[in-house]
């Protein structure tokens, strides 16, 4: 979205001809099981929690991203093709597997 705010990146916007979105969680994810899997002793726990909170259903982050994308496409003067690939059936959420 920086490219939309900063004219120095206009060349980048002008170069885009299409987007492919593979399973992008536009409406958010159900993250309860993912949160339960996080181990505070492994890696940057706060950063991981922040990322999950941004991807949760109804998050302000995803809402802002959607709005910025809409403004971005409105300001582009040529056609851009967007192709989305998504599941057609509900699948189970990720699960932690403990091996011995």
PDB file of N, CA and C in Angstrom:
ATOM      1  N   UNK A   1       0.811  -1.195   0.000  1.00  0.00           N
ATOM      2  CA  UNK A   1       0.000   0.000   0.000  1.00  0.00           C
ATOM      3  C   UNK A   1       0.856   1.261   0.000  1.00  0.00           C
ATOM      4  N   UNK A   2       2.123   1.084   0.360  1.00  0.00           N
ATOM      5  CA  UNK A   2       3.046   2.213   0.340  1.00  0.00           C
ATOM      6  C   UNK A   2       3.129   2.811  -1.065  1.00  0.00           C
ATOM      7  N   UNK A   3       3.037   1.958  -2.068  1.00  0.00           N
ATOM      8  CA  UNK A   3       3.114   2.428  -3.449  1.00  0.00           C
ATOM      9  C   UNK A   3       1.971   3.378  -3.786  1.00  0.00           C
ATOM     10  N   UNK A   4       0.841   3.209  -3.152  1.00  0.00           N
ATOM     11  CA  UNK A   4      -0.313   4.086  -3.395  1.00  0.00           C
ATOM     12  C   UNK A   4      -0.151   5.429  -2.690  1.00  0.00           C
ATOM     13  N   UNK A   5       0.579   5.434  -1.577  1.00  0.00           N
ATOM     14  CA  UNK A   5       0.742   6.663  -0.796  1.00  0.00           C
ATOM     15  C   UNK A   5       1.941   7.492  -1.234  1.00  0.00           C
ATOM     16  N   UNK A   6       2.945   6.845  -1.789  1.00  0.00           N
ATOM     17  CA  UNK A   6       4.190   7.518  -2.088  1.00  0.00           C
ATOM     18  C   UNK A   6       4.442   7.521  -3.601  1.00  0.00           C
ATOM     19  N   UNK A   7       4.464   8.694  -4.223  1.00  0.00           N
ATOM     20  CA  UNK A   7       4.606   8.759  -5.679  1.00  0.00           C
ATOM     21  C   UNK A   7       5.908   8.151  -6.203  1.00  0.00           C
ATOM     22  N   UNK A   8       6.900   8.027  -5.357  1.00  0.00           N
ATOM     23  CA  UNK A   8       8.167   7.449  -5.799  1.00  0.00           C
ATOM     24  C   UNK A   8       7.998   5.993  -6.248  1.00  0.00           C
ATOM     25  N   UNK A   9       6.927   5.341  -5.782  1.00  0.00           N
ATOM     26  CA  UNK A   9       6.665   3.943  -6.134  1.00  0.00           C
ATOM     27  C   UNK A   9       5.617   3.788  -7.234  1.00  0.00           C
ATOM     28  N   UNK A  10       5.254   4.867  -7.878  1.00  0.00           N
ATOM     29  CA  UNK A  10       4.224   4.794  -8.916  1.00  0.00           C
ATOM     30  C   UNK A  10       4.600   3.804 -10.017  1.00  0.00           C
ATOM     31  N   UNK A  11       5.884   3.693 -10.299  1.00  0.00           N
ATOM     32  CA  UNK A  11       6.350   2.747 -11.327  1.00  0.00           C
ATOM     33  C   UNK A  11       5.929   1.325 -10.983  1.00  0.00           C
ATOM     34  N   UNK A  12       5.913   1.006  -9.693  1.00  0.00           N
ATOM     35  CA  UNK A  12       5.523  -0.329  -9.271  1.00  0.00           C
ATOM     36  C   UNK A  12       4.043  -0.578  -9.580  1.00  0.00           C
ATOM     37  N   UNK A  13       3.203   0.369  -9.251  1.00  0.00           N
ATOM     38  CA  UNK A  13       1.778   0.239  -9.562  1.00  0.00           C
ATOM     39  C   UNK A  13       1.549   0.147 -11.067  1.00  0.00           C
ATOM     40  N   UNK A  14       2.306   0.920 -11.811  1.00  0.00           N
ATOM     41  CA  UNK A  14       2.147   0.906 -13.263  1.00  0.00           C
ATOM     42  C   UNK A  14       2.587  -0.421 -13.883  1.00  0.00           C
ATOM     43  N   UNK A  15       3.399  -1.172 -13.172  1.00  0.00           N
ATOM     44  CA  UNK A  15       3.909  -2.452 -13.681  1.00  0.00           C
ATOM     45  C   UNK A  15       2.957  -3.611 -13.435  1.00  0.00           C
ATOM     46  N   UNK A  16       2.026  -3.464 -12.529  1.00  0.00           N
ATOM     47  CA  UNK A  16       1.122  -4.561 -12.167  1.00  0.00           C
ATOM     48  C   UNK A  16       0.092  -4.785 -13.264  1.00  0.00           C
ATOM     49  N   UNK A  17       0.001  -6.011 -13.717  1.00  0.00           N
ATOM     50  CA  UNK A  17      -0.985  -6.369 -14.735  1.00  0.00           C
ATOM     51  C   UNK A  17      -2.004  -7.370 -14.199  1.00  0.00           C
ATOM     52  N   UNK A  18      -1.639  -8.053 -13.137  1.00  0.00           N
ATOM     53  CA  UNK A  18      -2.558  -9.032 -12.567  1.00  0.00           C
ATOM     54  C   UNK A  18      -2.066  -9.531 -11.229  1.00  0.00           C
ATOM     55  N   UNK A  19      -2.963 -10.130 -10.474  1.00  0.00           N
ATOM     56  CA  UNK A  19      -2.656 -10.718  -9.173  1.00  0.00           C
ATOM     57  C   UNK A  19      -3.253 -12.109  -9.106  1.00  0.00           C
ATOM     58  N   UNK A  20      -2.540 -12.997  -8.466  1.00  0.00           N
ATOM     59  CA  UNK A  20      -3.060 -14.321  -8.162  1.00  0.00           C
ATOM     60  C   UNK A  20      -3.089 -14.447  -6.649  1.00  0.00           C
ATOM     61  N   UNK A  21      -4.250 -14.740  -6.102  1.00  0.00           N
ATOM     62  CA  UNK A  21      -4.413 -14.865  -4.661  1.00  0.00           C
ATOM     63  C   UNK A  21      -4.739 -16.320  -4.335  1.00  0.00           C
ATOM     64  N   UNK A  22      -3.846 -16.969  -3.619  1.00  0.00           N
ATOM     65  CA  UNK A  22      -4.010 -18.375  -3.265  1.00  0.00           C
ATOM     66  C   UNK A  22      -4.361 -18.487  -1.778  1.00  0.00           C
ATOM     67  N   UNK A  23      -5.605 -18.721  -1.478  1.00  0.00           N
ATOM     68  CA  UNK A  23      -6.019 -18.930  -0.093  1.00  0.00           C
ATOM     69  C   UNK A  23      -5.747 -17.752   0.817  1.00  0.00           C
ATOM     70  N   UNK A  24      -5.795 -16.570   0.278  1.00  0.00           N
ATOM     71  CA  UNK A  24      -5.555 -15.383   1.085  1.00  0.00           C
ATOM     72  C   UNK A  24      -6.742 -15.163   2.016  1.00  0.00           C
ATOM     73  N   UNK A  25      -6.482 -15.051   3.329  1.00  0.00           N
ATOM     74  CA  UNK A  25      -7.597 -14.951   4.292  1.00  0.00           C
ATOM     75  C   UNK A  25      -8.200 -13.551   4.366  1.00  0.00           C
ATOM     76  N   UNK A  26      -8.874 -13.123   3.295  1.00  0.00           N
ATOM     77  CA  UNK A  26      -9.445 -11.784   3.243  1.00  0.00           C
ATOM     78  C   UNK A  26     -10.425 -11.519   4.378  1.00  0.00           C
ATOM     79  N   UNK A  27     -11.176 -12.543   4.746  1.00  0.00           N
ATOM     80  CA  UNK A  27     -12.178 -12.370   5.803  1.00  0.00           C
ATOM     81  C   UNK A  27     -11.655 -12.808   7.159  1.00  0.00           C
ATOM     82  N   UNK A  28     -10.426 -13.257   7.216  1.00  0.00           N
ATOM     83  CA  UNK A  28      -9.808 -13.651   8.471  1.00  0.00           C
ATOM     84  C   UNK A  28      -9.824 -15.148   8.694  1.00  0.00           C
ATOM     85  N   UNK A  29      -9.089 -15.549   9.701  1.00  0.00           N
ATOM     86  CA  UNK A  29      -8.959 -16.952  10.071  1.00  0.00           C
ATOM     87  C   UNK A  29      -9.523 -17.177  11.466  1.00  0.00           C
ATOM     88  N   UNK A  30      -9.916 -18.394  11.732  1.00  0.00           N
ATOM     89  CA  UNK A  30     -10.246 -18.799  13.096  1.00  0.00           C
ATOM     90  C   UNK A  30      -8.927 -19.232  13.718  1.00  0.00           C
ATOM     91  N   UNK A  31      -8.464 -18.484  14.708  1.00  0.00           N
ATOM     92  CA  UNK A  31      -7.089 -18.650  15.175  1.00  0.00           C
ATOM     93  C   UNK A  31      -6.938 -19.282  16.549  1.00  0.00           C
ATOM     94  N   UNK A  32      -8.021 -19.689  17.181  1.00  0.00           N
ATOM     95  CA  UNK A  32      -7.934 -20.224  18.545  1.00  0.00           C
ATOM     96  C   UNK A  32      -6.962 -21.404  18.631  1.00  0.00           C
ATOM     97  N   UNK A  33      -7.061 -22.341  17.687  1.00  0.00           N
ATOM     98  CA  UNK A  33      -6.177 -23.507  17.717  1.00  0.00           C
ATOM     99  C   UNK A  33      -4.730 -23.127  17.412  1.00  0.00           C
ATOM    100  N   UNK A  34      -4.546 -22.159  16.546  1.00  0.00           N
ATOM    101  CA  UNK A  34      -3.190 -21.705  16.243  1.00  0.00           C
ATOM    102  C   UNK A  34      -2.564 -21.024  17.452  1.00  0.00           C
ATOM    103  N   UNK A  35      -3.329 -20.205  18.149  1.00  0.00           N
ATOM    104  CA  UNK A  35      -2.823 -19.544  19.356  1.00  0.00           C
ATOM    105  C   UNK A  35      -2.421 -20.563  20.414  1.00  0.00           C
ATOM    106  N   UNK A  36      -3.217 -21.604  20.550  1.00  0.00           N
ATOM    107  CA  UNK A  36      -2.933 -22.630  21.551  1.00  0.00           C
ATOM    108  C   UNK A  36      -1.622 -23.353  21.252  1.00  0.00           C
ATOM    109  N   UNK A  37      -1.205 -23.369  20.000  1.00  0.00           N
ATOM    110  CA  UNK A  37       0.017 -24.058  19.604  1.00  0.00           C
ATOM    111  C   UNK A  37       1.276 -23.232  19.845  1.00  0.00           C
ATOM    112  N   UNK A  38       1.136 -21.935  20.031  1.00  0.00           N
ATOM    113  CA  UNK A  38       2.313 -21.095  20.208  1.00  0.00           C
ATOM    114  C   UNK A  38       2.993 -21.382  21.536  1.00  0.00           C
ATOM    115  N   UNK A  39       4.307 -21.485  21.472  1.00  0.00           N
ATOM    116  CA  UNK A  39       5.115 -21.729  22.663  1.00  0.00           C
ATOM    117  C   UNK A  39       5.899 -20.455  22.967  1.00  0.00           C
ATOM    118  N   UNK A  40       5.629 -19.810  24.119  1.00  0.00           N
ATOM    119  CA  UNK A  40       6.318 -18.556  24.455  1.00  0.00           C
ATOM    120  C   UNK A  40       7.832 -18.719  24.546  1.00  0.00           C
ATOM    121  N   UNK A  41       8.308 -19.941  24.712  1.00  0.00           N
ATOM    122  CA  UNK A  41       9.745 -20.168  24.848  1.00  0.00           C
ATOM    123  C   UNK A  41      10.448 -20.365  23.499  1.00  0.00           C
ATOM    124  N   UNK A  42       9.690 -20.382  22.424  1.00  0.00           N
ATOM    125  CA  UNK A  42      10.285 -20.593  21.108  1.00  0.00           C
ATOM    126  C   UNK A  42      10.069 -19.377  20.213  1.00  0.00           C
ATOM    127  N   UNK A  43      11.142 -18.670  20.003  1.00  0.00           N
ATOM    128  CA  UNK A  43      11.094 -17.552  19.067  1.00  0.00           C
ATOM    129  C   UNK A  43      10.364 -16.332  19.600  1.00  0.00           C
ATOM    130  N   UNK A  44      10.165 -15.357  18.737  1.00  0.00           N
ATOM    131  CA  UNK A  44       9.522 -14.086  19.124  1.00  0.00           C
ATOM    132  C   UNK A  44       8.010 -14.252  19.308  1.00  0.00           C
ATOM    133  N   UNK A  45       7.594 -14.684  20.480  1.00  0.00           N
ATOM    134  CA  UNK A  45       6.204 -15.002  20.782  1.00  0.00           C
ATOM    135  C   UNK A  45       5.282 -13.809  20.518  1.00  0.00           C
ATOM    136  N   UNK A  46       5.687 -12.614  20.954  1.00  0.00           N
ATOM    137  CA  UNK A  46       4.843 -11.424  20.771  1.00  0.00           C
ATOM    138  C   UNK A  46       4.589 -11.142  19.300  1.00  0.00           C
ATOM    139  N   UNK A  47       5.599 -11.320  18.467  1.00  0.00           N
ATOM    140  CA  UNK A  47       5.429 -11.075  17.036  1.00  0.00           C
ATOM    141  C   UNK A  47       4.467 -12.093  16.424  1.00  0.00           C
ATOM    142  N   UNK A  48       4.583 -13.333  16.858  1.00  0.00           N
ATOM    143  CA  UNK A  48       3.690 -14.373  16.343  1.00  0.00           C
ATOM    144  C   UNK A  48       2.248 -14.104  16.762  1.00  0.00           C
ATOM    145  N   UNK A  49       2.052 -13.701  18.001  1.00  0.00           N
ATOM    146  CA  UNK A  49       0.704 -13.386  18.475  1.00  0.00           C
ATOM    147  C   UNK A  49       0.136 -12.185  17.725  1.00  0.00           C
ATOM    148  N   UNK A  50       0.972 -11.198  17.483  1.00  0.00           N
ATOM    149  CA  UNK A  50       0.524 -10.017  16.748  1.00  0.00           C
ATOM    150  C   UNK A  50       0.075 -10.401  15.340  1.00  0.00           C
ATOM    151  N   UNK A  51       0.856 -11.257  14.668  1.00  0.00           N
ATOM    152  CA  UNK A  51       0.478 -11.709  13.326  1.00  0.00           C
ATOM    153  C   UNK A  51      -0.858 -12.447  13.361  1.00  0.00           C
ATOM    154  N   UNK A  52      -1.027 -13.357  14.301  1.00  0.00           N
ATOM    155  CA  UNK A  52      -2.293 -14.098  14.392  1.00  0.00           C
ATOM    156  C   UNK A  52      -3.458 -13.157  14.669  1.00  0.00           C
ATOM    157  N   UNK A  53      -3.261 -12.200  15.552  1.00  0.00           N
ATOM    158  CA  UNK A  53      -4.336 -11.248  15.854  1.00  0.00           C
ATOM    159  C   UNK A  53      -4.703 -10.415  14.631  1.00  0.00           C
ATOM    160  N   UNK A  54      -3.714 -10.111  13.787  1.00  0.00           N
ATOM    161  CA  UNK A  54      -4.000  -9.373  12.563  1.00  0.00           C
ATOM    162  C   UNK A  54      -4.802 -10.210  11.581  1.00  0.00           C
ATOM    163  N   UNK A  55      -4.638 -11.526  11.617  1.00  0.00           N
ATOM    164  CA  UNK A  55      -5.313 -12.410  10.665  1.00  0.00           C
ATOM    165  C   UNK A  55      -6.639 -12.968  11.173  1.00  0.00           C
ATOM    166  N   UNK A  56      -7.035 -12.599  12.378  1.00  0.00           N
ATOM    167  CA  UNK A  56      -8.272 -13.124  12.942  1.00  0.00           C
ATOM    168  C   UNK A  56      -9.494 -12.544  12.238  1.00  0.00           C
ATOM    169  N   UNK A  57     -10.584 -13.275  12.296  1.00  0.00           N
ATOM    170  CA  UNK A  57     -11.831 -12.810  11.688  1.00  0.00           C
ATOM    171  C   UNK A  57     -12.234 -11.463  12.282  1.00  0.00           C
ATOM    172  N   UNK A  58     -12.580 -10.527  11.401  1.00  0.00           N
ATOM    173  CA  UNK A  58     -13.052  -9.222  11.851  1.00  0.00           C
ATOM    174  C   UNK A  58     -11.963  -8.291  12.360  1.00  0.00           C
ATOM    175  N   UNK A  59     -10.691  -8.603  12.087  1.00  0.00           N
ATOM    176  CA  UNK A  59      -9.624  -7.749  12.606  1.00  0.00           C
ATOM    177  C   UNK A  59      -9.610  -6.398  11.893  1.00  0.00           C
ATOM    178  N   UNK A  60      -9.207  -5.393  12.614  1.00  0.00           N
ATOM    179  CA  UNK A  60      -9.107  -4.047  12.056  1.00  0.00           C
ATOM    180  C   UNK A  60      -8.039  -4.016  10.953  1.00  0.00           C
ATOM    181  N   UNK A  61      -6.976  -4.787  11.143  1.00  0.00           N
ATOM    182  CA  UNK A  61      -5.901  -4.855  10.149  1.00  0.00           C
ATOM    183  C   UNK A  61      -6.433  -5.319   8.794  1.00  0.00           C
ATOM    184  N   UNK A  62      -7.190  -6.426   8.781  1.00  0.00           N
ATOM    185  CA  UNK A  62      -7.719  -6.937   7.511  1.00  0.00           C
ATOM    186  C   UNK A  62      -8.725  -5.980   6.891  1.00  0.00           C
ATOM    187  N   UNK A  63      -9.521  -5.338   7.717  1.00  0.00           N
ATOM    188  CA  UNK A  63     -10.481  -4.352   7.223  1.00  0.00           C
ATOM    189  C   UNK A  63      -9.741  -3.200   6.542  1.00  0.00           C
ATOM    190  N   UNK A  64      -8.677  -2.714   7.197  1.00  0.00           N
ATOM    191  CA  UNK A  64      -7.887  -1.626   6.620  1.00  0.00           C
ATOM    192  C   UNK A  64      -7.212  -2.058   5.318  1.00  0.00           C
ATOM    193  N   UNK A  65      -6.695  -3.285   5.285  1.00  0.00           N
ATOM    194  CA  UNK A  65      -6.060  -3.792   4.076  1.00  0.00           C
ATOM    195  C   UNK A  65      -7.056  -3.823   2.910  1.00  0.00           C
ATOM    196  N   UNK A  66      -8.260  -4.305   3.201  1.00  0.00           N
ATOM    197  CA  UNK A  66      -9.288  -4.377   2.158  1.00  0.00           C
ATOM    198  C   UNK A  66      -9.623  -2.983   1.628  1.00  0.00           C
ATOM    199  N   UNK A  67      -9.790  -2.035   2.530  1.00  0.00           N
ATOM    200  CA  UNK A  67     -10.125  -0.671   2.118  1.00  0.00           C
ATOM    201  C   UNK A  67      -8.997  -0.044   1.300  1.00  0.00           C
ATOM    202  N   UNK A  68      -7.760  -0.279   1.714  1.00  0.00           N
ATOM    203  CA  UNK A  68      -6.627   0.269   0.968  1.00  0.00           C
ATOM    204  C   UNK A  68      -6.529  -0.346  -0.422  1.00  0.00           C
ATOM    205  N   UNK A  69      -6.810  -1.641  -0.529  1.00  0.00           N
ATOM    206  CA  UNK A  69      -6.783  -2.292  -1.837  1.00  0.00           C
ATOM    207  C   UNK A  69      -7.864  -1.707  -2.752  1.00  0.00           C
ATOM    208  N   UNK A  70      -9.046  -1.464  -2.189  1.00  0.00           N
ATOM    209  CA  UNK A  70     -10.120  -0.878  -2.993  1.00  0.00           C
ATOM    210  C   UNK A  70      -9.712   0.491  -3.532  1.00  0.00           C
ATOM    211  N   UNK A  71      -9.111   1.317  -2.685  1.00  0.00           N
ATOM    212  CA  UNK A  71      -8.653   2.635  -3.124  1.00  0.00           C
ATOM    213  C   UNK A  71      -7.539   2.504  -4.149  1.00  0.00           C
ATOM    214  N   UNK A  72      -6.695   1.534  -3.979  1.00  0.00           N
ATOM    215  CA  UNK A  72      -5.598   1.306  -4.909  1.00  0.00           C
ATOM    216  C   UNK A  72      -6.131   0.989  -6.301  1.00  0.00           C
ATOM    217  N   UNK A  73      -7.073   0.056  -6.382  1.00  0.00           N
ATOM    218  CA  UNK A  73      -7.591  -0.343  -7.695  1.00  0.00           C
ATOM    219  C   UNK A  73      -8.396   0.767  -8.361  1.00  0.00           C
ATOM    220  N   UNK A  74      -9.070   1.567  -7.568  1.00  0.00           N
ATOM    221  CA  UNK A  74      -9.844   2.671  -8.142  1.00  0.00           C
ATOM    222  C   UNK A  74      -8.905   3.684  -8.804  1.00  0.00           C
ATOM    223  N   UNK A  75      -7.715   3.855  -8.247  1.00  0.00           N
ATOM    224  CA  UNK A  75      -6.786   4.863  -8.754  1.00  0.00           C
ATOM    225  C   UNK A  75      -5.942   4.376  -9.936  1.00  0.00           C
ATOM    226  N   UNK A  76      -5.965   3.105 -10.238  1.00  0.00           N
ATOM    227  CA  UNK A  76      -5.217   2.597 -11.387  1.00  0.00           C
ATOM    228  C   UNK A  76      -6.054   2.827 -12.638  1.00  0.00           C
ATOM    229  N   UNK A  77      -5.425   3.380 -13.651  1.00  0.00           N
ATOM    230  CA  UNK A  77      -6.161   3.808 -14.842  1.00  0.00           C
ATOM    231  C   UNK A  77      -6.324   2.728 -15.897  1.00  0.00           C
ATOM    232  N   UNK A  78      -5.857   1.524 -15.657  1.00  0.00           N
ATOM    233  CA  UNK A  78      -5.997   0.458 -16.642  1.00  0.00           C
ATOM    234  C   UNK A  78      -6.547  -0.775 -15.946  1.00  0.00           C
ATOM    235  N   UNK A  79      -6.918  -1.731 -16.745  1.00  0.00           N
ATOM    236  CA  UNK A  79      -7.500  -2.963 -16.194  1.00  0.00           C
ATOM    237  C   UNK A  79      -6.416  -3.839 -15.561  1.00  0.00           C
ATOM    238  N   UNK A  80      -6.724  -4.381 -14.402  1.00  0.00           N
ATOM    239  CA  UNK A  80      -5.862  -5.343 -13.720  1.00  0.00           C
ATOM    240  C   UNK A  80      -6.695  -6.591 -13.489  1.00  0.00           C
ATOM    241  N   UNK A  81      -6.139  -7.722 -13.836  1.00  0.00           N
ATOM    242  CA  UNK A  81      -6.842  -8.986 -13.652  1.00  0.00           C
ATOM    243  C   UNK A  81      -6.504  -9.560 -12.276  1.00  0.00           C
ATOM    244  N   UNK A  82      -7.520  -9.911 -11.522  1.00  0.00           N
ATOM    245  CA  UNK A  82      -7.337 -10.553 -10.226  1.00  0.00           C
ATOM    246  C   UNK A  82      -7.963 -11.933 -10.313  1.00  0.00           C
ATOM    247  N   UNK A  83      -7.174 -12.951 -10.004  1.00  0.00           N
ATOM    248  CA  UNK A  83      -7.652 -14.327 -10.023  1.00  0.00           C
ATOM    249  C   UNK A  83      -7.497 -14.886  -8.612  1.00  0.00           C
ATOM    250  N   UNK A  84      -8.580 -15.367  -8.037  1.00  0.00           N
ATOM    251  CA  UNK A  84      -8.544 -15.931  -6.684  1.00  0.00           C
ATOM    252  C   UNK A  84      -8.770 -17.434  -6.739  1.00  0.00           C
ATOM    253  N   UNK A  85      -7.973 -18.156  -6.001  1.00  0.00           N
ATOM    254  CA  UNK A  85      -8.135 -19.591  -5.843  1.00  0.00           C
ATOM    255  C   UNK A  85      -8.514 -19.836  -4.393  1.00  0.00           C
ATOM    256  N   UNK A  86      -9.519 -20.648  -4.168  1.00  0.00           N
ATOM    257  CA  UNK A  86      -9.975 -20.864  -2.800  1.00  0.00           C
ATOM    258  C   UNK A  86     -10.604 -22.245  -2.685  1.00  0.00           C
ATOM    259  N   UNK A  87     -10.728 -22.671  -1.435  1.00  0.00           N
ATOM    260  CA  UNK A  87     -11.341 -23.968  -1.162  1.00  0.00           C
ATOM    261  C   UNK A  87     -12.838 -23.884  -1.397  1.00  0.00           C
ATOM    262  N   UNK A  88     -13.390 -24.951  -1.898  1.00  0.00           N
ATOM    263  CA  UNK A  88     -14.837 -24.998  -2.081  1.00  0.00           C
ATOM    264  C   UNK A  88     -15.506 -25.832  -0.994  1.00  0.00           C
ATOM    265  N   UNK A  89     -14.687 -26.488  -0.187  1.00  0.00           N
ATOM    266  CA  UNK A  89     -15.207 -27.261   0.945  1.00  0.00           C
ATOM    267  C   UNK A  89     -14.450 -26.861   2.194  1.00  0.00           C
ATOM    268  N   UNK A  90     -15.130 -26.876   3.303  1.00  0.00           N
ATOM    269  CA  UNK A  90     -14.505 -26.526   4.571  1.00  0.00           C
ATOM    270  C   UNK A  90     -13.512 -27.612   4.965  1.00  0.00           C
ATOM    271  N   UNK A  91     -12.329 -27.192   5.389  1.00  0.00           N
ATOM    272  CA  UNK A  91     -11.309 -28.144   5.826  1.00  0.00           C
ATOM    273  C   UNK A  91     -10.965 -27.878   7.288  1.00  0.00           C
ATOM    274  N   UNK A  92     -10.465 -28.900   7.977  1.00  0.00           N
ATOM    275  CA  UNK A  92     -10.126 -28.701   9.383  1.00  0.00           C
ATOM    276  C   UNK A  92      -8.955 -27.736   9.551  1.00  0.00           C
ATOM    277  N   UNK A  93      -8.918 -27.100  10.698  1.00  0.00           N
ATOM    278  CA  UNK A  93      -7.831 -26.188  11.031  1.00  0.00           C
ATOM    279  C   UNK A  93      -6.582 -26.995  11.356  1.00  0.00           C
ATOM    280  N   UNK A  94      -5.468 -26.340  11.289  1.00  0.00           N
ATOM    281  CA  UNK A  94      -4.191 -26.976  11.595  1.00  0.00           C
ATOM    282  C   UNK A  94      -4.191 -27.553  13.010  1.00  0.00           C
ATOM    283  N   UNK A  95      -3.468 -28.643  13.200  1.00  0.00           N
ATOM    284  CA  UNK A  95      -3.354 -29.261  14.514  1.00  0.00           C
ATOM    285  C   UNK A  95      -1.904 -29.549  14.823  1.00  0.00           C
ATOM    286  N   UNK A  96      -1.553 -29.436  16.085  1.00  0.00           N
ATOM    287  CA  UNK A  96      -0.196 -29.709  16.528  1.00  0.00           C
ATOM    288  C   UNK A  96      -0.028 -31.219  16.674  1.00  0.00           C
ATOM    289  N   UNK A  97       1.053 -31.742  16.130  1.00  0.00           N
ATOM    290  CA  UNK A  97       1.351 -33.166  16.240  1.00  0.00           C
ATOM    291  C   UNK A  97       2.619 -33.311  17.058  1.00  0.00           C
ATOM    292  N   UNK A  98       2.522 -34.090  18.107  1.00  0.00           N
ATOM    293  CA  UNK A  98       3.670 -34.314  18.979  1.00  0.00           C
ATOM    294  C   UNK A  98       4.244 -35.699  18.666  1.00  0.00           C
ATOM    295  N   UNK A  99       5.524 -35.715  18.318  1.00  0.00           N
ATOM    296  CA  UNK A  99       6.176 -36.990  18.022  1.00  0.00           C
ATOM    297  C   UNK A  99       7.114 -37.349  19.169  1.00  0.00           C
ATOM    298  N   UNK A 100       7.278 -38.610  19.381  1.00  0.00           N
ATOM    299  CA  UNK A 100       8.171 -39.042  20.481  1.00  0.00           C
ATOM    300  C   UNK A 100       9.417 -39.680  19.937  1.00  0.00           C
TER     301      UNK A 100
END
